[in-house]
Amino acid sequence: MHFRSLDEFWPFYMNQHSKASTRRWHFVATLSALFFLLLSLLFRWWFIFIAPISGYGLAWYSHFFVEGNTPATFGHPVWSFLCDLKMFSLMLTGQMDREIKRLGKRPVLSVF
């Protein structure tokens, strides 16, 4: 698939993250990556290498074992990274459910 903009890619990205637990895993993944980036700035530079491992590792876990699909990162790494940050900010500000409704999707209830 070819996407010309982030706005075009966003609905596809959200379809790949239809379960609430997948989105929660992504939130924790992004938070952990940011944590290790902060540690690398404040304490030891080598923590920067752990940031992508923890971030992508947790997020990919959710795709393989929760959502049951292939991570969008494999086909669209830049768009996926930007959408992950958008999803993280929407979740952080409590606007994710509204965005799901806007896109015409019902949240899938699942246990974290």
C-alpha atoms as a PDB file:
ATOM      1  CA  MET A   1       0.000   0.000   0.000  1.00  0.00           C
ATOM      2  CA  HIS A   2       1.122   3.519  -0.726  1.00  0.00           C
ATOM      3  CA  PHE A   3       0.127   6.414   1.504  1.00  0.00           C
ATOM      4  CA  ARG A   4       0.667  10.033   0.542  1.00  0.00           C
ATOM      5  CA  SER A   5       0.177  11.607   3.956  1.00  0.00           C
ATOM      6  CA  LEU A   6      -0.054  10.939   7.643  1.00  0.00           C
ATOM      7  CA  ASP A   7      -3.794  11.626   7.467  1.00  0.00           C
ATOM      8  CA  GLU A   8      -4.159   8.861   4.880  1.00  0.00           C
ATOM      9  CA  PHE A   9      -2.083   6.418   6.903  1.00  0.00           C
ATOM     10  CA  TRP A  10      -3.741   7.131  10.269  1.00  0.00           C
ATOM     11  CA  PRO A  11      -6.973   5.099   9.694  1.00  0.00           C
ATOM     12  CA  PHE A  12      -4.921   2.129   8.474  1.00  0.00           C
ATOM     13  CA  TYR A  13      -2.662   2.434  11.525  1.00  0.00           C
ATOM     14  CA  MET A  14      -5.623   2.523  13.875  1.00  0.00           C
ATOM     15  CA  ASN A  15      -7.125  -0.517  12.176  1.00  0.00           C
ATOM     16  CA  GLN A  16      -3.880  -2.349  12.969  1.00  0.00           C
ATOM     17  CA  HIS A  17      -4.350  -1.323  16.638  1.00  0.00           C
ATOM     18  CA  SER A  18      -8.022  -2.203  17.062  1.00  0.00           C
ATOM     19  CA  LYS A  19      -7.721  -3.787  20.518  1.00  0.00           C
ATOM     20  CA  ALA A  20      -7.420  -1.573  23.570  1.00  0.00           C
ATOM     21  CA  SER A  21      -4.742  -3.838  25.033  1.00  0.00           C
ATOM     22  CA  THR A  22      -2.613  -3.414  21.898  1.00  0.00           C
ATOM     23  CA  ARG A  23      -2.830   0.354  22.301  1.00  0.00           C
ATOM     24  CA  ARG A  24      -1.938   0.042  25.997  1.00  0.00           C
ATOM     25  CA  TRP A  25       1.119  -2.053  25.162  1.00  0.00           C
ATOM     26  CA  HIS A  26       2.141   0.623  22.663  1.00  0.00           C
ATOM     27  CA  PHE A  27       1.673   3.324  25.276  1.00  0.00           C
ATOM     28  CA  VAL A  28       3.931   1.445  27.706  1.00  0.00           C
ATOM     29  CA  ALA A  29       6.427   0.799  24.894  1.00  0.00           C
ATOM     30  CA  THR A  30       6.652   4.488  23.973  1.00  0.00           C
ATOM     31  CA  LEU A  31       6.856   5.487  27.618  1.00  0.00           C
ATOM     32  CA  SER A  32       9.688   3.016  28.229  1.00  0.00           C
ATOM     33  CA  ALA A  33      11.592   4.248  25.172  1.00  0.00           C
ATOM     34  CA  LEU A  34      11.236   7.846  26.379  1.00  0.00           C
ATOM     35  CA  PHE A  35      12.376   6.764  29.835  1.00  0.00           C
ATOM     36  CA  PHE A  36      15.561   5.205  28.460  1.00  0.00           C
ATOM     37  CA  LEU A  37      16.195   8.267  26.281  1.00  0.00           C
ATOM     38  CA  LEU A  38      15.940  10.421  29.388  1.00  0.00           C
ATOM     39  CA  LEU A  39      18.281   8.111  31.283  1.00  0.00           C
ATOM     40  CA  SER A  40      20.792   8.371  28.451  1.00  0.00           C
ATOM     41  CA  LEU A  41      20.704  12.171  28.671  1.00  0.00           C
ATOM     42  CA  LEU A  42      20.912  12.338  32.443  1.00  0.00           C
ATOM     43  CA  PHE A  43      23.146   9.437  33.423  1.00  0.00           C
ATOM     44  CA  ARG A  44      24.775   7.073  30.940  1.00  0.00           C
ATOM     45  CA  TRP A  45      24.872   7.547  27.171  1.00  0.00           C
ATOM     46  CA  TRP A  46      24.575   3.817  26.466  1.00  0.00           C
ATOM     47  CA  PHE A  47      20.958   3.741  27.716  1.00  0.00           C
ATOM     48  CA  ILE A  48      20.099   5.147  24.305  1.00  0.00           C
ATOM     49  CA  PHE A  49      20.603   1.664  22.832  1.00  0.00           C
ATOM     50  CA  ILE A  50      17.969   0.204  25.157  1.00  0.00           C
ATOM     51  CA  ALA A  51      15.328   2.752  24.105  1.00  0.00           C
ATOM     52  CA  PRO A  52      14.448   1.243  20.696  1.00  0.00           C
ATOM     53  CA  ILE A  53      14.778  -2.315  21.998  1.00  0.00           C
ATOM     54  CA  SER A  54      12.283  -1.715  24.794  1.00  0.00           C
ATOM     55  CA  GLY A  55       9.998   0.432  22.663  1.00  0.00           C
ATOM     56  CA  TYR A  56       9.783  -1.792  19.615  1.00  0.00           C
ATOM     57  CA  GLY A  57      10.003  -4.998  21.631  1.00  0.00           C
ATOM     58  CA  LEU A  58       6.927  -4.253  23.714  1.00  0.00           C
ATOM     59  CA  ALA A  59       4.992  -2.862  20.753  1.00  0.00           C
ATOM     60  CA  TRP A  60       5.781  -5.819  18.521  1.00  0.00           C
ATOM     61  CA  TYR A  61       4.846  -8.217  21.314  1.00  0.00           C
ATOM     62  CA  SER A  62       1.371  -6.690  21.271  1.00  0.00           C
ATOM     63  CA  HIS A  63       1.022  -7.261  17.532  1.00  0.00           C
ATOM     64  CA  PHE A  64       2.160 -10.871  17.556  1.00  0.00           C
ATOM     65  CA  PHE A  65       0.467 -12.035  20.762  1.00  0.00           C
ATOM     66  CA  VAL A  66      -2.473  -9.658  21.333  1.00  0.00           C
ATOM     67  CA  GLU A  67      -3.608  -8.151  18.034  1.00  0.00           C
ATOM     68  CA  GLY A  68      -2.545 -11.107  15.884  1.00  0.00           C
ATOM     69  CA  ASN A  69      -1.166  -9.101  12.981  1.00  0.00           C
ATOM     70  CA  THR A  70       2.109  -7.883  11.531  1.00  0.00           C
ATOM     71  CA  PRO A  71       3.404  -4.546  12.845  1.00  0.00           C
ATOM     72  CA  ALA A  72       2.825  -1.670  10.432  1.00  0.00           C
ATOM     73  CA  THR A  73       6.436  -0.681  11.121  1.00  0.00           C
ATOM     74  CA  PHE A  74       7.628  -3.471   8.865  1.00  0.00           C
ATOM     75  CA  GLY A  75       6.073  -1.876   5.789  1.00  0.00           C
ATOM     76  CA  HIS A  76       5.874   1.790   6.778  1.00  0.00           C
ATOM     77  CA  PRO A  77       8.486   2.610   9.438  1.00  0.00           C
ATOM     78  CA  VAL A  78       8.311   6.419   9.307  1.00  0.00           C
ATOM     79  CA  TRP A  79       4.522   6.673   9.126  1.00  0.00           C
ATOM     80  CA  SER A  80       4.209   4.110  11.929  1.00  0.00           C
ATOM     81  CA  PHE A  81       6.617   5.958  14.187  1.00  0.00           C
ATOM     82  CA  LEU A  82       4.756   9.246  13.679  1.00  0.00           C
ATOM     83  CA  CYS A  83       1.370   7.606  14.246  1.00  0.00           C
ATOM     84  CA  ASP A  84       2.663   5.900  17.369  1.00  0.00           C
ATOM     85  CA  LEU A  85       3.611   9.293  18.765  1.00  0.00           C
ATOM     86  CA  LYS A  86       0.172  10.616  17.810  1.00  0.00           C
ATOM     87  CA  MET A  87      -1.546   7.662  19.477  1.00  0.00           C
ATOM     88  CA  PHE A  88       0.639   8.127  22.573  1.00  0.00           C
ATOM     89  CA  SER A  89      -0.316  11.796  22.834  1.00  0.00           C
ATOM     90  CA  LEU A  90      -4.025  11.028  22.336  1.00  0.00           C
ATOM     91  CA  MET A  91      -3.881   8.400  25.062  1.00  0.00           C
ATOM     92  CA  LEU A  92      -1.917  10.696  27.362  1.00  0.00           C
ATOM     93  CA  THR A  93      -4.536  13.427  26.987  1.00  0.00           C
ATOM     94  CA  GLY A  94      -7.525  11.070  27.241  1.00  0.00           C
ATOM     95  CA  GLN A  95      -8.692  11.662  23.668  1.00  0.00           C
ATOM     96  CA  MET A  96      -8.107   8.197  22.217  1.00  0.00           C
ATOM     97  CA  ASP A  97     -11.671   6.901  22.671  1.00  0.00           C
ATOM     98  CA  ARG A  98     -13.030   9.985  20.940  1.00  0.00           C
ATOM     99  CA  GLU A  99     -10.618   9.435  18.039  1.00  0.00           C
ATOM    100  CA  ILE A 100     -11.702   5.798  17.701  1.00  0.00           C
ATOM    101  CA  LYS A 101     -15.331   6.904  17.543  1.00  0.00           C
ATOM    102  CA  ARG A 102     -14.432   9.583  15.000  1.00  0.00           C
ATOM    103  CA  LEU A 103     -12.879   6.923  12.798  1.00  0.00           C
ATOM    104  CA  GLY A 104     -16.040   4.837  13.090  1.00  0.00           C
ATOM    105  CA  LYS A 105     -14.557   2.037  15.133  1.00  0.00           C
ATOM    106  CA  ARG A 106     -15.847   0.620  18.368  1.00  0.00           C
ATOM    107  CA  PRO A 107     -13.162  -0.078  20.958  1.00  0.00           C
ATOM    108  CA  VAL A 108     -12.574  -3.772  21.455  1.00  0.00           C
ATOM    109  CA  LEU A 109     -12.782  -4.598  25.152  1.00  0.00           C
ATOM    110  CA  SER A 110      -9.962  -6.755  26.411  1.00  0.00           C
ATOM    111  CA  VAL A 111      -7.945  -7.295  29.528  1.00  0.00           C
ATOM    112  CA  PHE A 112      -4.424  -5.840  29.597  1.00  0.00           C
END
